[in-house]
Amino acid sequence: MTYTRFAIYDAPSDDALAEFGATWLGWDIRTGCATDQPDVHGLDDITMTPRKYGFHGTLKPPFRLATGTDVGGLQVAVTEMAATCAPTKSGGLALTTLGGFLALIPTGDLSGLERVAGACVRALDPFRAPQSKADLIRRRKAGLSARQETLMLRWGYPYVMEEFRFHLTLSARMPDQDRAQWFQTAQANLPPLNEIYAIDSIALCGERADGRFELIQRYALTG
């Protein structure tokens, strides 16, 4: 399989949570297959944007390979990074509305999670091709702060390091008047959530020719 971009995700391995995410979005990142969504009017529309990424929490945002690098080298680097990075735990996930879209976010102490994400961004940056001018222009339309601009120019994405906020996306941005209803619908479909959210592995994922991401390999955090 040839991939256009790569990313490091937390792809939940908890069966009930992972199954919920795959079914809700209509795409199973673990198997690279479409799934049947719940029979809920409008669900296909509000999940169309996040569907291609699958159910995940971003640790290192999608990137194209830099000139002179290859997938084999990237896999070696991810293996080495995972071997030096300790797993982490936070409080359980909570459903929330974040920036106009539905997401699950962890609660409690997030310093360990931020540590893992920072390690992924730093260690694998040599494999990231510079952003194109078009990408920079698109990102700047969001109205970046001075610090976010600096982070984007250094790491290829404005929401990393201290601007990072881990979340598992469940929808596209929605009109204000629709959010409460969709919050209730998502809440009704969620499985029971654990009181602890653990990240003990990271997932190297690739963007296929059809624009959808799939799991390439999972790496245990053993540092």
N, C-alpha and C. Protein backbone atom coordinates (compact mmCIF):
# COMPACT_ATOMS: atom_id res chain seq x y z
N MET A 1 0.85 -1.19 0.00
CA MET A 1 0.00 0.00 0.00
C MET A 1 0.88 1.25 0.00
N THR A 2 0.55 2.19 -0.86
CA THR A 2 1.25 3.47 -0.93
C THR A 2 0.42 4.52 -0.21
N TYR A 3 1.09 5.31 0.64
CA TYR A 3 0.40 6.33 1.43
C TYR A 3 0.92 7.71 1.06
N THR A 4 0.00 8.69 1.06
CA THR A 4 0.37 10.06 0.72
C THR A 4 0.85 10.84 1.95
N ARG A 5 0.30 10.53 3.11
CA ARG A 5 0.70 11.17 4.36
C ARG A 5 0.72 10.14 5.48
N PHE A 6 1.40 10.51 6.55
CA PHE A 6 1.48 9.65 7.72
C PHE A 6 1.14 10.47 8.95
N ALA A 7 0.75 9.79 10.03
CA ALA A 7 0.44 10.46 11.28
C ALA A 7 0.67 9.48 12.42
N ILE A 8 0.89 10.03 13.61
CA ILE A 8 0.96 9.20 14.81
C ILE A 8 -0.28 9.51 15.62
N TYR A 9 -1.08 8.49 15.83
CA TYR A 9 -2.34 8.63 16.54
C TYR A 9 -2.36 7.77 17.80
N ASP A 10 -3.23 8.14 18.70
CA ASP A 10 -3.71 7.20 19.70
C ASP A 10 -4.98 6.61 19.11
N ALA A 11 -4.92 5.35 18.73
CA ALA A 11 -6.09 4.66 18.19
C ALA A 11 -6.57 3.71 19.29
N PRO A 12 -7.62 4.09 20.02
CA PRO A 12 -8.03 3.30 21.19
C PRO A 12 -8.13 1.81 20.89
N SER A 13 -7.56 1.02 21.78
CA SER A 13 -7.59 -0.43 21.62
C SER A 13 -8.67 -1.08 22.46
N ASP A 14 -9.28 -0.30 23.39
CA ASP A 14 -10.41 -0.82 24.15
C ASP A 14 -11.53 -1.20 23.19
N ASP A 15 -11.94 -2.46 23.23
CA ASP A 15 -12.85 -2.97 22.21
C ASP A 15 -14.16 -2.19 22.12
N ALA A 16 -14.78 -1.92 23.27
CA ALA A 16 -16.08 -1.24 23.24
C ALA A 16 -15.95 0.18 22.73
N LEU A 17 -14.93 0.91 23.20
CA LEU A 17 -14.74 2.29 22.77
C LEU A 17 -14.35 2.36 21.30
N ALA A 18 -13.42 1.50 20.89
CA ALA A 18 -12.97 1.48 19.49
C ALA A 18 -14.11 1.12 18.56
N GLU A 19 -14.94 0.17 18.97
CA GLU A 19 -16.08 -0.24 18.15
C GLU A 19 -17.09 0.89 18.04
N PHE A 20 -17.33 1.58 19.15
CA PHE A 20 -18.23 2.74 19.10
C PHE A 20 -17.72 3.77 18.10
N GLY A 21 -16.43 4.13 18.21
CA GLY A 21 -15.87 5.15 17.33
C GLY A 21 -15.95 4.76 15.86
N ALA A 22 -15.64 3.50 15.57
CA ALA A 22 -15.67 3.03 14.18
C ALA A 22 -17.09 3.05 13.63
N THR A 23 -18.04 2.63 14.45
CA THR A 23 -19.43 2.58 14.00
C THR A 23 -20.01 3.98 13.88
N TRP A 24 -19.72 4.84 14.85
CA TRP A 24 -20.25 6.20 14.84
C TRP A 24 -19.76 6.96 13.61
N LEU A 25 -18.47 6.84 13.29
CA LEU A 25 -17.89 7.58 12.17
C LEU A 25 -18.13 6.91 10.82
N GLY A 26 -18.38 5.60 10.83
CA GLY A 26 -18.58 4.90 9.56
C GLY A 26 -17.30 4.44 8.91
N TRP A 27 -16.21 4.43 9.70
CA TRP A 27 -14.91 4.00 9.17
C TRP A 27 -14.09 3.42 10.31
N ASP A 28 -13.55 2.22 10.10
CA ASP A 28 -12.72 1.56 11.11
C ASP A 28 -11.27 1.70 10.72
N ILE A 29 -10.56 2.59 11.43
CA ILE A 29 -9.16 2.84 11.11
C ILE A 29 -8.30 1.61 11.35
N ARG A 30 -8.75 0.73 12.24
CA ARG A 30 -7.97 -0.47 12.58
C ARG A 30 -7.94 -1.47 11.43
N THR A 31 -9.02 -1.57 10.70
CA THR A 31 -9.12 -2.56 9.63
C THR A 31 -9.08 -1.93 8.25
N GLY A 32 -9.23 -0.59 8.17
CA GLY A 32 -9.28 0.07 6.88
C GLY A 32 -10.54 -0.27 6.11
N CYS A 33 -11.66 -0.41 6.83
CA CYS A 33 -12.92 -0.80 6.21
C CYS A 33 -14.05 0.13 6.66
N ALA A 34 -15.02 0.33 5.78
CA ALA A 34 -16.21 1.08 6.14
C ALA A 34 -17.06 0.26 7.09
N THR A 35 -17.85 0.95 7.92
CA THR A 35 -18.76 0.28 8.85
C THR A 35 -20.17 0.83 8.67
N ASP A 36 -21.14 0.07 9.14
CA ASP A 36 -22.53 0.53 9.12
C ASP A 36 -22.78 1.44 10.31
N GLN A 37 -23.20 2.65 10.04
CA GLN A 37 -23.47 3.60 11.10
C GLN A 37 -24.84 3.35 11.73
N PRO A 38 -25.03 3.84 12.96
CA PRO A 38 -26.37 3.78 13.55
C PRO A 38 -27.39 4.48 12.66
N ASP A 39 -28.62 4.01 12.69
CA ASP A 39 -29.69 4.59 11.87
C ASP A 39 -30.19 5.87 12.52
N VAL A 40 -29.38 6.92 12.39
CA VAL A 40 -29.70 8.22 12.98
C VAL A 40 -29.68 9.26 11.87
N HIS A 41 -30.79 9.95 11.67
CA HIS A 41 -30.88 10.93 10.59
C HIS A 41 -29.82 12.02 10.76
N GLY A 42 -29.06 12.25 9.71
CA GLY A 42 -28.06 13.31 9.71
C GLY A 42 -26.68 12.89 10.19
N LEU A 43 -26.55 11.68 10.72
CA LEU A 43 -25.25 11.25 11.25
C LEU A 43 -24.20 11.17 10.15
N ASP A 44 -24.58 10.69 8.99
CA ASP A 44 -23.63 10.60 7.88
C ASP A 44 -23.06 11.97 7.54
N ASP A 45 -23.91 12.98 7.58
CA ASP A 45 -23.48 14.33 7.21
C ASP A 45 -22.52 14.92 8.23
N ILE A 46 -22.82 14.79 9.52
CA ILE A 46 -21.97 15.45 10.52
C ILE A 46 -20.66 14.72 10.76
N THR A 47 -20.57 13.48 10.29
CA THR A 47 -19.32 12.71 10.47
C THR A 47 -18.51 12.59 9.18
N MET A 48 -18.97 13.23 8.12
CA MET A 48 -18.29 13.08 6.83
C MET A 48 -16.85 13.59 6.88
N THR A 49 -16.63 14.73 7.54
CA THR A 49 -15.28 15.30 7.59
C THR A 49 -14.33 14.46 8.44
N PRO A 50 -14.68 14.10 9.69
CA PRO A 50 -13.74 13.30 10.49
C PRO A 50 -13.65 11.85 10.07
N ARG A 51 -14.58 11.38 9.24
CA ARG A 51 -14.61 9.96 8.89
C ARG A 51 -13.30 9.49 8.28
N LYS A 52 -12.73 10.29 7.40
CA LYS A 52 -11.54 9.83 6.68
C LYS A 52 -10.34 9.62 7.60
N TYR A 53 -10.36 10.28 8.77
CA TYR A 53 -9.25 10.13 9.71
C TYR A 53 -9.45 8.95 10.66
N GLY A 54 -10.68 8.49 10.79
CA GLY A 54 -10.98 7.41 11.72
C GLY A 54 -11.04 7.91 13.15
N PHE A 55 -11.43 7.03 14.05
CA PHE A 55 -11.56 7.38 15.47
C PHE A 55 -10.17 7.37 16.09
N HIS A 56 -9.72 8.55 16.53
CA HIS A 56 -8.34 8.67 16.99
C HIS A 56 -8.15 9.94 17.80
N GLY A 57 -7.05 9.97 18.52
CA GLY A 57 -6.54 11.20 19.11
C GLY A 57 -5.19 11.48 18.47
N THR A 58 -5.01 12.67 17.94
CA THR A 58 -3.77 13.00 17.25
C THR A 58 -2.63 13.22 18.24
N LEU A 59 -1.49 12.60 17.96
CA LEU A 59 -0.27 12.83 18.73
C LEU A 59 0.75 13.58 17.88
N LYS A 60 0.95 13.14 16.64
CA LYS A 60 1.72 13.92 15.65
C LYS A 60 0.83 14.08 14.42
N PRO A 61 0.49 15.31 14.06
CA PRO A 61 -0.44 15.55 12.96
C PRO A 61 0.06 15.00 11.62
N PRO A 62 -0.86 14.75 10.69
CA PRO A 62 -0.48 14.20 9.38
C PRO A 62 0.62 15.02 8.69
N PHE A 63 1.53 14.30 8.06
CA PHE A 63 2.65 14.94 7.36
C PHE A 63 3.06 14.10 6.16
N ARG A 64 3.64 14.78 5.19
CA ARG A 64 4.23 14.09 4.04
C ARG A 64 5.69 13.81 4.34
N LEU A 65 6.21 12.74 3.77
CA LEU A 65 7.60 12.38 4.02
C LEU A 65 8.56 13.39 3.39
N ALA A 66 9.58 13.74 4.14
CA ALA A 66 10.61 14.64 3.64
C ALA A 66 11.44 13.95 2.57
N THR A 67 11.99 14.75 1.69
CA THR A 67 12.89 14.22 0.66
C THR A 67 14.06 13.50 1.32
N GLY A 68 14.38 12.32 0.82
CA GLY A 68 15.49 11.54 1.36
C GLY A 68 15.09 10.59 2.47
N THR A 69 13.81 10.60 2.85
CA THR A 69 13.33 9.65 3.87
C THR A 69 12.37 8.66 3.23
N ASP A 70 12.10 7.58 3.94
CA ASP A 70 11.16 6.59 3.42
C ASP A 70 10.39 5.94 4.56
N VAL A 71 9.42 5.12 4.21
CA VAL A 71 8.55 4.50 5.20
C VAL A 71 9.34 3.60 6.13
N GLY A 72 10.29 2.86 5.57
CA GLY A 72 11.10 1.97 6.40
C GLY A 72 11.85 2.73 7.49
N GLY A 73 12.45 3.85 7.11
CA GLY A 73 13.16 4.65 8.09
C GLY A 73 12.23 5.23 9.12
N LEU A 74 11.04 5.64 8.69
CA LEU A 74 10.05 6.16 9.63
C LEU A 74 9.65 5.10 10.64
N GLN A 75 9.44 3.88 10.19
CA GLN A 75 9.06 2.80 11.10
C GLN A 75 10.16 2.50 12.11
N VAL A 76 11.39 2.57 11.68
CA VAL A 76 12.50 2.37 12.61
C VAL A 76 12.51 3.48 13.66
N ALA A 77 12.30 4.71 13.21
CA ALA A 77 12.31 5.85 14.13
C ALA A 77 11.17 5.77 15.13
N VAL A 78 9.99 5.34 14.69
CA VAL A 78 8.86 5.19 15.60
C VAL A 78 9.15 4.09 16.62
N THR A 79 9.75 3.01 16.17
CA THR A 79 10.12 1.92 17.08
C THR A 79 11.07 2.41 18.16
N GLU A 80 12.07 3.16 17.76
CA GLU A 80 13.07 3.67 18.71
C GLU A 80 12.45 4.67 19.67
N MET A 81 11.60 5.55 19.16
CA MET A 81 10.95 6.52 20.01
C MET A 81 10.03 5.86 21.04
N ALA A 82 9.25 4.88 20.61
CA ALA A 82 8.33 4.18 21.50
C ALA A 82 9.08 3.44 22.60
N ALA A 83 10.28 2.97 22.29
CA ALA A 83 11.07 2.23 23.27
C ALA A 83 11.64 3.13 24.36
N THR A 84 11.65 4.43 24.13
CA THR A 84 12.18 5.36 25.13
C THR A 84 11.09 6.20 25.79
N CYS A 85 9.85 5.98 25.39
CA CYS A 85 8.73 6.79 25.87
C CYS A 85 7.85 5.94 26.79
N ALA A 86 7.63 6.43 28.00
CA ALA A 86 6.81 5.68 28.97
C ALA A 86 5.33 5.87 28.68
N PRO A 87 4.51 4.86 28.96
CA PRO A 87 3.05 5.02 28.82
C PRO A 87 2.53 6.04 29.81
N THR A 88 1.27 6.41 29.66
CA THR A 88 0.69 7.42 30.53
C THR A 88 -0.78 7.14 30.79
N LYS A 89 -1.28 7.73 31.86
CA LYS A 89 -2.70 7.61 32.20
C LYS A 89 -3.24 8.98 32.58
N SER A 90 -4.53 9.16 32.35
CA SER A 90 -5.22 10.37 32.78
C SER A 90 -6.56 9.95 33.35
N GLY A 91 -7.37 10.95 33.70
CA GLY A 91 -8.73 10.64 34.09
C GLY A 91 -9.52 10.15 32.90
N GLY A 92 -10.73 9.67 33.16
CA GLY A 92 -11.55 9.11 32.08
C GLY A 92 -11.96 10.14 31.05
N LEU A 93 -12.49 9.66 29.94
CA LEU A 93 -12.93 10.52 28.86
C LEU A 93 -14.29 11.15 29.20
N ALA A 94 -14.48 12.36 28.70
CA ALA A 94 -15.75 13.06 28.88
C ALA A 94 -16.19 13.61 27.54
N LEU A 95 -17.46 13.48 27.23
CA LEU A 95 -18.02 14.04 26.01
C LEU A 95 -18.18 15.54 26.17
N THR A 96 -17.75 16.29 25.16
CA THR A 96 -17.84 17.74 25.25
C THR A 96 -18.02 18.32 23.86
N THR A 97 -18.34 19.61 23.81
CA THR A 97 -18.36 20.36 22.55
C THR A 97 -17.11 21.21 22.53
N LEU A 98 -16.26 20.97 21.55
CA LEU A 98 -14.96 21.62 21.48
C LEU A 98 -14.86 22.38 20.16
N GLY A 99 -14.85 23.70 20.24
CA GLY A 99 -14.73 24.48 19.01
C GLY A 99 -15.87 24.25 18.03
N GLY A 100 -17.04 23.88 18.55
CA GLY A 100 -18.19 23.69 17.68
C GLY A 100 -18.39 22.28 17.19
N PHE A 101 -17.50 21.35 17.58
CA PHE A 101 -17.69 19.95 17.21
C PHE A 101 -17.69 19.08 18.45
N LEU A 102 -18.24 17.89 18.31
CA LEU A 102 -18.28 16.94 19.41
C LEU A 102 -16.97 16.19 19.51
N ALA A 103 -16.53 15.97 20.75
CA ALA A 103 -15.28 15.24 20.96
C ALA A 103 -15.28 14.62 22.35
N LEU A 104 -14.47 13.60 22.50
CA LEU A 104 -14.18 13.02 23.80
C LEU A 104 -12.82 13.55 24.24
N ILE A 105 -12.76 14.09 25.46
CA ILE A 105 -11.48 14.59 25.96
C ILE A 105 -11.18 13.94 27.30
N PRO A 106 -9.91 13.69 27.60
CA PRO A 106 -9.55 13.11 28.89
C PRO A 106 -9.62 14.16 29.99
N THR A 107 -9.81 13.71 31.21
CA THR A 107 -9.90 14.60 32.36
C THR A 107 -8.70 14.39 33.27
N GLY A 108 -8.59 15.25 34.29
CA GLY A 108 -7.52 15.08 35.27
C GLY A 108 -6.18 15.57 34.78
N ASP A 109 -5.11 14.96 35.29
CA ASP A 109 -3.75 15.36 34.97
C ASP A 109 -3.39 14.91 33.56
N LEU A 110 -3.10 15.86 32.68
CA LEU A 110 -2.79 15.55 31.28
C LEU A 110 -1.31 15.71 30.97
N SER A 111 -0.48 15.90 31.97
CA SER A 111 0.94 16.17 31.72
C SER A 111 1.62 14.98 31.05
N GLY A 112 1.27 13.77 31.42
CA GLY A 112 1.87 12.59 30.78
C GLY A 112 1.48 12.47 29.33
N LEU A 113 0.23 12.76 29.04
CA LEU A 113 -0.25 12.71 27.66
C LEU A 113 0.45 13.76 26.82
N GLU A 114 0.61 14.95 27.39
CA GLU A 114 1.32 16.02 26.68
C GLU A 114 2.77 15.64 26.44
N ARG A 115 3.36 14.93 27.38
CA ARG A 115 4.74 14.45 27.23
C ARG A 115 4.86 13.49 26.05
N VAL A 116 3.92 12.56 25.94
CA VAL A 116 3.95 11.59 24.84
C VAL A 116 3.79 12.30 23.50
N ALA A 117 2.83 13.21 23.41
CA ALA A 117 2.61 13.94 22.16
C ALA A 117 3.84 14.75 21.78
N GLY A 118 4.44 15.43 22.75
CA GLY A 118 5.64 16.21 22.47
C GLY A 118 6.79 15.36 21.96
N ALA A 119 6.92 14.16 22.55
CA ALA A 119 7.98 13.24 22.11
C ALA A 119 7.76 12.81 20.66
N CYS A 120 6.51 12.54 20.30
CA CYS A 120 6.21 12.14 18.92
C CYS A 120 6.54 13.27 17.94
N VAL A 121 6.16 14.48 18.29
CA VAL A 121 6.40 15.62 17.41
C VAL A 121 7.89 15.84 17.21
N ARG A 122 8.64 15.84 18.31
CA ARG A 122 10.08 16.13 18.23
C ARG A 122 10.86 15.01 17.53
N ALA A 123 10.64 13.79 17.97
CA ALA A 123 11.47 12.68 17.49
C ALA A 123 11.28 12.40 16.01
N LEU A 124 10.08 12.62 15.50
CA LEU A 124 9.79 12.24 14.12
C LEU A 124 9.80 13.43 13.16
N ASP A 125 10.14 14.61 13.66
CA ASP A 125 10.13 15.79 12.81
C ASP A 125 11.08 15.69 11.62
N PRO A 126 12.24 15.02 11.73
CA PRO A 126 13.11 14.90 10.56
C PRO A 126 12.45 14.22 9.36
N PHE A 127 11.34 13.51 9.59
CA PHE A 127 10.65 12.81 8.49
C PHE A 127 9.54 13.66 7.87
N ARG A 128 9.32 14.85 8.41
CA ARG A 128 8.23 15.70 7.95
C ARG A 128 8.70 16.66 6.86
N ALA A 129 8.04 16.60 5.71
CA ALA A 129 8.34 17.56 4.65
C ALA A 129 7.81 18.93 5.04
N PRO A 130 8.48 20.02 4.64
CA PRO A 130 7.99 21.36 4.95
C PRO A 130 6.59 21.57 4.39
N GLN A 131 5.81 22.40 5.07
CA GLN A 131 4.48 22.72 4.59
C GLN A 131 4.55 23.55 3.32
N SER A 132 3.56 23.35 2.46
CA SER A 132 3.48 24.15 1.24
C SER A 132 2.91 25.53 1.59
N LYS A 133 3.07 26.47 0.68
CA LYS A 133 2.50 27.80 0.89
C LYS A 133 0.99 27.73 1.03
N ALA A 134 0.36 26.83 0.28
CA ALA A 134 -1.09 26.68 0.35
C ALA A 134 -1.52 26.20 1.73
N ASP A 135 -0.74 25.28 2.30
CA ASP A 135 -1.06 24.79 3.65
C ASP A 135 -0.94 25.91 4.67
N LEU A 136 0.11 26.71 4.55
CA LEU A 136 0.31 27.82 5.48
C LEU A 136 -0.83 28.83 5.40
N ILE A 137 -1.23 29.15 4.19
CA ILE A 137 -2.33 30.10 4.00
C ILE A 137 -3.62 29.55 4.60
N ARG A 138 -3.88 28.28 4.39
CA ARG A 138 -5.10 27.66 4.92
C ARG A 138 -5.11 27.69 6.43
N ARG A 139 -3.99 27.37 7.05
CA ARG A 139 -3.92 27.38 8.51
C ARG A 139 -4.09 28.79 9.08
N ARG A 140 -3.52 29.77 8.41
CA ARG A 140 -3.58 31.14 8.91
C ARG A 140 -4.99 31.72 8.86
N LYS A 141 -5.86 31.14 8.05
CA LYS A 141 -7.23 31.62 7.99
C LYS A 141 -7.96 31.42 9.31
N ALA A 142 -7.43 30.53 10.17
CA ALA A 142 -8.05 30.28 11.47
C ALA A 142 -7.77 31.39 12.47
N GLY A 143 -6.90 32.34 12.10
CA GLY A 143 -6.56 33.44 13.00
C GLY A 143 -5.62 33.01 14.09
N LEU A 144 -4.42 32.59 13.73
CA LEU A 144 -3.46 32.06 14.68
C LEU A 144 -2.87 33.15 15.56
N SER A 145 -2.56 32.76 16.79
CA SER A 145 -1.82 33.66 17.67
C SER A 145 -0.36 33.69 17.22
N ALA A 146 0.41 34.62 17.78
CA ALA A 146 1.83 34.71 17.44
C ALA A 146 2.55 33.42 17.80
N ARG A 147 2.21 32.84 18.95
CA ARG A 147 2.85 31.59 19.36
C ARG A 147 2.46 30.44 18.45
N GLN A 148 1.20 30.37 18.05
CA GLN A 148 0.76 29.32 17.15
C GLN A 148 1.44 29.44 15.78
N GLU A 149 1.65 30.65 15.33
CA GLU A 149 2.37 30.86 14.08
C GLU A 149 3.80 30.34 14.20
N THR A 150 4.44 30.62 15.33
CA THR A 150 5.81 30.16 15.55
C THR A 150 5.86 28.62 15.57
N LEU A 151 4.92 28.02 16.26
CA LEU A 151 4.88 26.56 16.33
C LEU A 151 4.63 25.95 14.96
N MET A 152 3.77 26.56 14.17
CA MET A 152 3.49 26.04 12.84
C MET A 152 4.74 26.08 11.96
N LEU A 153 5.47 27.17 12.03
CA LEU A 153 6.67 27.29 11.20
C LEU A 153 7.77 26.33 11.66
N ARG A 154 7.81 26.04 12.97
CA ARG A 154 8.85 25.14 13.50
C ARG A 154 8.49 23.68 13.35
N TRP A 155 7.23 23.33 13.66
CA TRP A 155 6.84 21.92 13.74
C TRP A 155 5.80 21.51 12.70
N GLY A 156 5.38 22.45 11.84
CA GLY A 156 4.44 22.10 10.78
C GLY A 156 2.99 22.13 11.16
N TYR A 157 2.67 22.52 12.41
CA TYR A 157 1.28 22.52 12.88
C TYR A 157 1.18 23.48 14.05
N PRO A 158 0.13 24.30 14.11
CA PRO A 158 0.07 25.33 15.16
C PRO A 158 -0.35 24.84 16.54
N TYR A 159 -0.97 23.64 16.59
CA TYR A 159 -1.54 23.19 17.87
C TYR A 159 -0.73 22.03 18.44
N VAL A 160 0.53 22.29 18.69
CA VAL A 160 1.42 21.30 19.31
C VAL A 160 2.07 21.94 20.54
N MET A 161 2.84 21.14 21.26
CA MET A 161 3.52 21.58 22.48
C MET A 161 2.50 22.20 23.45
N GLU A 162 2.71 23.41 23.93
CA GLU A 162 1.79 23.96 24.94
C GLU A 162 0.42 24.32 24.36
N GLU A 163 0.30 24.34 23.02
CA GLU A 163 -1.00 24.60 22.39
C GLU A 163 -1.77 23.31 22.11
N PHE A 164 -1.18 22.17 22.44
CA PHE A 164 -1.79 20.87 22.18
C PHE A 164 -2.97 20.62 23.12
N ARG A 165 -4.04 20.10 22.57
CA ARG A 165 -5.18 19.68 23.37
C ARG A 165 -5.70 18.37 22.80
N PHE A 166 -5.45 17.31 23.51
CA PHE A 166 -5.82 15.98 23.04
C PHE A 166 -7.34 15.83 22.99
N HIS A 167 -7.85 15.24 21.90
CA HIS A 167 -9.28 14.97 21.79
C HIS A 167 -9.51 13.90 20.73
N LEU A 168 -10.62 13.20 20.87
CA LEU A 168 -11.06 12.21 19.89
C LEU A 168 -12.32 12.77 19.24
N THR A 169 -12.19 13.16 17.99
CA THR A 169 -13.25 13.88 17.29
C THR A 169 -14.40 12.97 16.89
N LEU A 170 -15.62 13.47 17.10
CA LEU A 170 -16.82 12.70 16.76
C LEU A 170 -17.70 13.37 15.71
N SER A 171 -17.39 14.60 15.33
CA SER A 171 -18.23 15.27 14.34
C SER A 171 -17.47 16.41 13.69
N ALA A 172 -18.07 16.95 12.65
CA ALA A 172 -17.59 18.21 12.08
C ALA A 172 -18.17 19.35 12.93
N ARG A 173 -17.77 20.58 12.64
CA ARG A 173 -18.37 21.73 13.32
C ARG A 173 -19.84 21.83 12.95
N MET A 174 -20.64 22.18 13.95
CA MET A 174 -22.08 22.20 13.76
C MET A 174 -22.64 23.57 14.14
N PRO A 175 -23.79 23.94 13.58
CA PRO A 175 -24.46 25.17 14.01
C PRO A 175 -24.80 25.11 15.49
N ASP A 176 -24.80 26.24 16.14
CA ASP A 176 -25.06 26.30 17.58
C ASP A 176 -26.35 25.59 17.95
N GLN A 177 -27.39 25.75 17.15
CA GLN A 177 -28.70 25.22 17.50
C GLN A 177 -28.77 23.69 17.41
N ASP A 178 -27.77 23.06 16.77
CA ASP A 178 -27.80 21.61 16.60
C ASP A 178 -26.97 20.87 17.65
N ARG A 179 -26.14 21.59 18.38
CA ARG A 179 -25.15 20.92 19.22
C ARG A 179 -25.76 20.15 20.38
N ALA A 180 -26.74 20.73 21.04
CA ALA A 180 -27.35 20.06 22.20
C ALA A 180 -27.99 18.74 21.80
N GLN A 181 -28.68 18.72 20.67
CA GLN A 181 -29.34 17.50 20.22
C GLN A 181 -28.32 16.42 19.89
N TRP A 182 -27.25 16.80 19.19
CA TRP A 182 -26.24 15.82 18.82
C TRP A 182 -25.43 15.36 20.03
N PHE A 183 -25.26 16.23 20.99
CA PHE A 183 -24.60 15.83 22.24
C PHE A 183 -25.41 14.72 22.90
N GLN A 184 -26.70 14.87 22.99
CA GLN A 184 -27.56 13.86 23.60
C GLN A 184 -27.53 12.56 22.80
N THR A 185 -27.52 12.67 21.48
CA THR A 185 -27.49 11.47 20.64
C THR A 185 -26.19 10.70 20.82
N ALA A 186 -25.07 11.42 20.83
CA ALA A 186 -23.78 10.77 21.04
C ALA A 186 -23.71 10.14 22.43
N GLN A 187 -24.19 10.86 23.44
CA GLN A 187 -24.19 10.35 24.80
C GLN A 187 -24.98 9.05 24.89
N ALA A 188 -26.07 8.98 24.20
CA ALA A 188 -26.92 7.78 24.23
C ALA A 188 -26.26 6.59 23.55
N ASN A 189 -25.34 6.84 22.64
CA ASN A 189 -24.68 5.75 21.91
C ASN A 189 -23.34 5.33 22.51
N LEU A 190 -22.81 6.15 23.41
CA LEU A 190 -21.51 5.84 24.00
C LEU A 190 -21.59 4.58 24.88
N PRO A 191 -20.56 3.76 24.86
CA PRO A 191 -20.48 2.66 25.82
C PRO A 191 -20.06 3.21 27.18
N PRO A 192 -20.17 2.44 28.25
CA PRO A 192 -19.65 2.90 29.54
C PRO A 192 -18.17 3.24 29.43
N LEU A 193 -17.77 4.39 29.95
CA LEU A 193 -16.39 4.85 29.84
C LEU A 193 -15.63 4.56 31.13
N ASN A 194 -14.40 4.11 30.99
CA ASN A 194 -13.56 3.81 32.16
C ASN A 194 -13.20 5.10 32.90
N GLU A 195 -12.90 4.96 34.18
CA GLU A 195 -12.49 6.11 34.98
C GLU A 195 -11.05 6.53 34.70
N ILE A 196 -10.29 5.65 34.06
CA ILE A 196 -8.91 5.93 33.68
C ILE A 196 -8.77 5.77 32.17
N TYR A 197 -8.11 6.73 31.53
CA TYR A 197 -7.81 6.60 30.11
C TYR A 197 -6.31 6.42 29.96
N ALA A 198 -5.91 5.26 29.47
CA ALA A 198 -4.49 4.92 29.38
C ALA A 198 -4.02 4.96 27.92
N ILE A 199 -2.83 5.46 27.72
CA ILE A 199 -2.16 5.38 26.42
C ILE A 199 -0.87 4.60 26.63
N ASP A 200 -0.89 3.35 26.21
CA ASP A 200 0.28 2.49 26.37
C ASP A 200 0.85 2.06 25.03
N SER A 201 0.32 2.62 23.95
CA SER A 201 0.85 2.35 22.61
C SER A 201 0.52 3.53 21.72
N ILE A 202 1.23 3.62 20.61
CA ILE A 202 0.94 4.64 19.60
C ILE A 202 0.74 3.93 18.27
N ALA A 203 0.01 4.59 17.39
CA ALA A 203 -0.34 3.97 16.11
C ALA A 203 0.21 4.79 14.95
N LEU A 204 1.03 4.17 14.12
CA LEU A 204 1.46 4.78 12.87
C LEU A 204 0.36 4.52 11.85
N CYS A 205 -0.21 5.60 11.31
CA CYS A 205 -1.31 5.48 10.37
C CYS A 205 -0.94 6.17 9.07
N GLY A 206 -1.52 5.70 7.98
CA GLY A 206 -1.22 6.25 6.67
C GLY A 206 -2.48 6.65 5.93
N GLU A 207 -2.36 7.70 5.12
CA GLU A 207 -3.47 8.16 4.29
C GLU A 207 -3.42 7.46 2.93
N ARG A 208 -4.46 6.74 2.63
CA ARG A 208 -4.52 5.99 1.39
C ARG A 208 -4.84 6.90 0.21
N ALA A 209 -4.83 6.33 -0.98
CA ALA A 209 -5.11 7.11 -2.18
C ALA A 209 -6.53 7.67 -2.17
N ASP A 210 -7.45 7.00 -1.45
CA ASP A 210 -8.82 7.50 -1.38
C ASP A 210 -9.02 8.55 -0.30
N GLY A 211 -7.92 8.96 0.38
CA GLY A 211 -8.00 10.02 1.37
C GLY A 211 -8.33 9.56 2.77
N ARG A 212 -8.50 8.25 2.96
CA ARG A 212 -8.83 7.74 4.29
C ARG A 212 -7.59 7.15 4.97
N PHE A 213 -7.53 7.33 6.29
CA PHE A 213 -6.40 6.83 7.06
C PHE A 213 -6.68 5.42 7.57
N GLU A 214 -5.62 4.62 7.65
CA GLU A 214 -5.73 3.28 8.22
C GLU A 214 -4.49 2.99 9.06
N LEU A 215 -4.66 2.08 9.99
CA LEU A 215 -3.56 1.67 10.87
C LEU A 215 -2.52 0.89 10.07
N ILE A 216 -1.26 1.30 10.20
CA ILE A 216 -0.15 0.55 9.60
C ILE A 216 0.46 -0.38 10.63
N GLN A 217 0.78 0.18 11.79
CA GLN A 217 1.39 -0.64 12.86
C GLN A 217 1.21 0.07 14.19
N ARG A 218 1.02 -0.75 15.23
CA ARG A 218 0.90 -0.24 16.59
C ARG A 218 2.20 -0.53 17.33
N TYR A 219 2.67 0.43 18.14
CA TYR A 219 3.95 0.31 18.85
C TYR A 219 3.71 0.51 20.35
N ALA A 220 4.13 -0.46 21.15
CA ALA A 220 3.99 -0.34 22.59
C ALA A 220 4.97 0.69 23.13
N LEU A 221 4.49 1.51 24.07
CA LEU A 221 5.36 2.46 24.76
C LEU A 221 6.02 1.74 25.92
N THR A 222 7.32 1.57 25.85
CA THR A 222 8.02 0.74 26.84
C THR A 222 9.15 1.48 27.55
N GLY A 223 9.21 2.79 27.43
CA GLY A 223 10.29 3.55 28.05
C GLY A 223 10.15 3.62 29.56
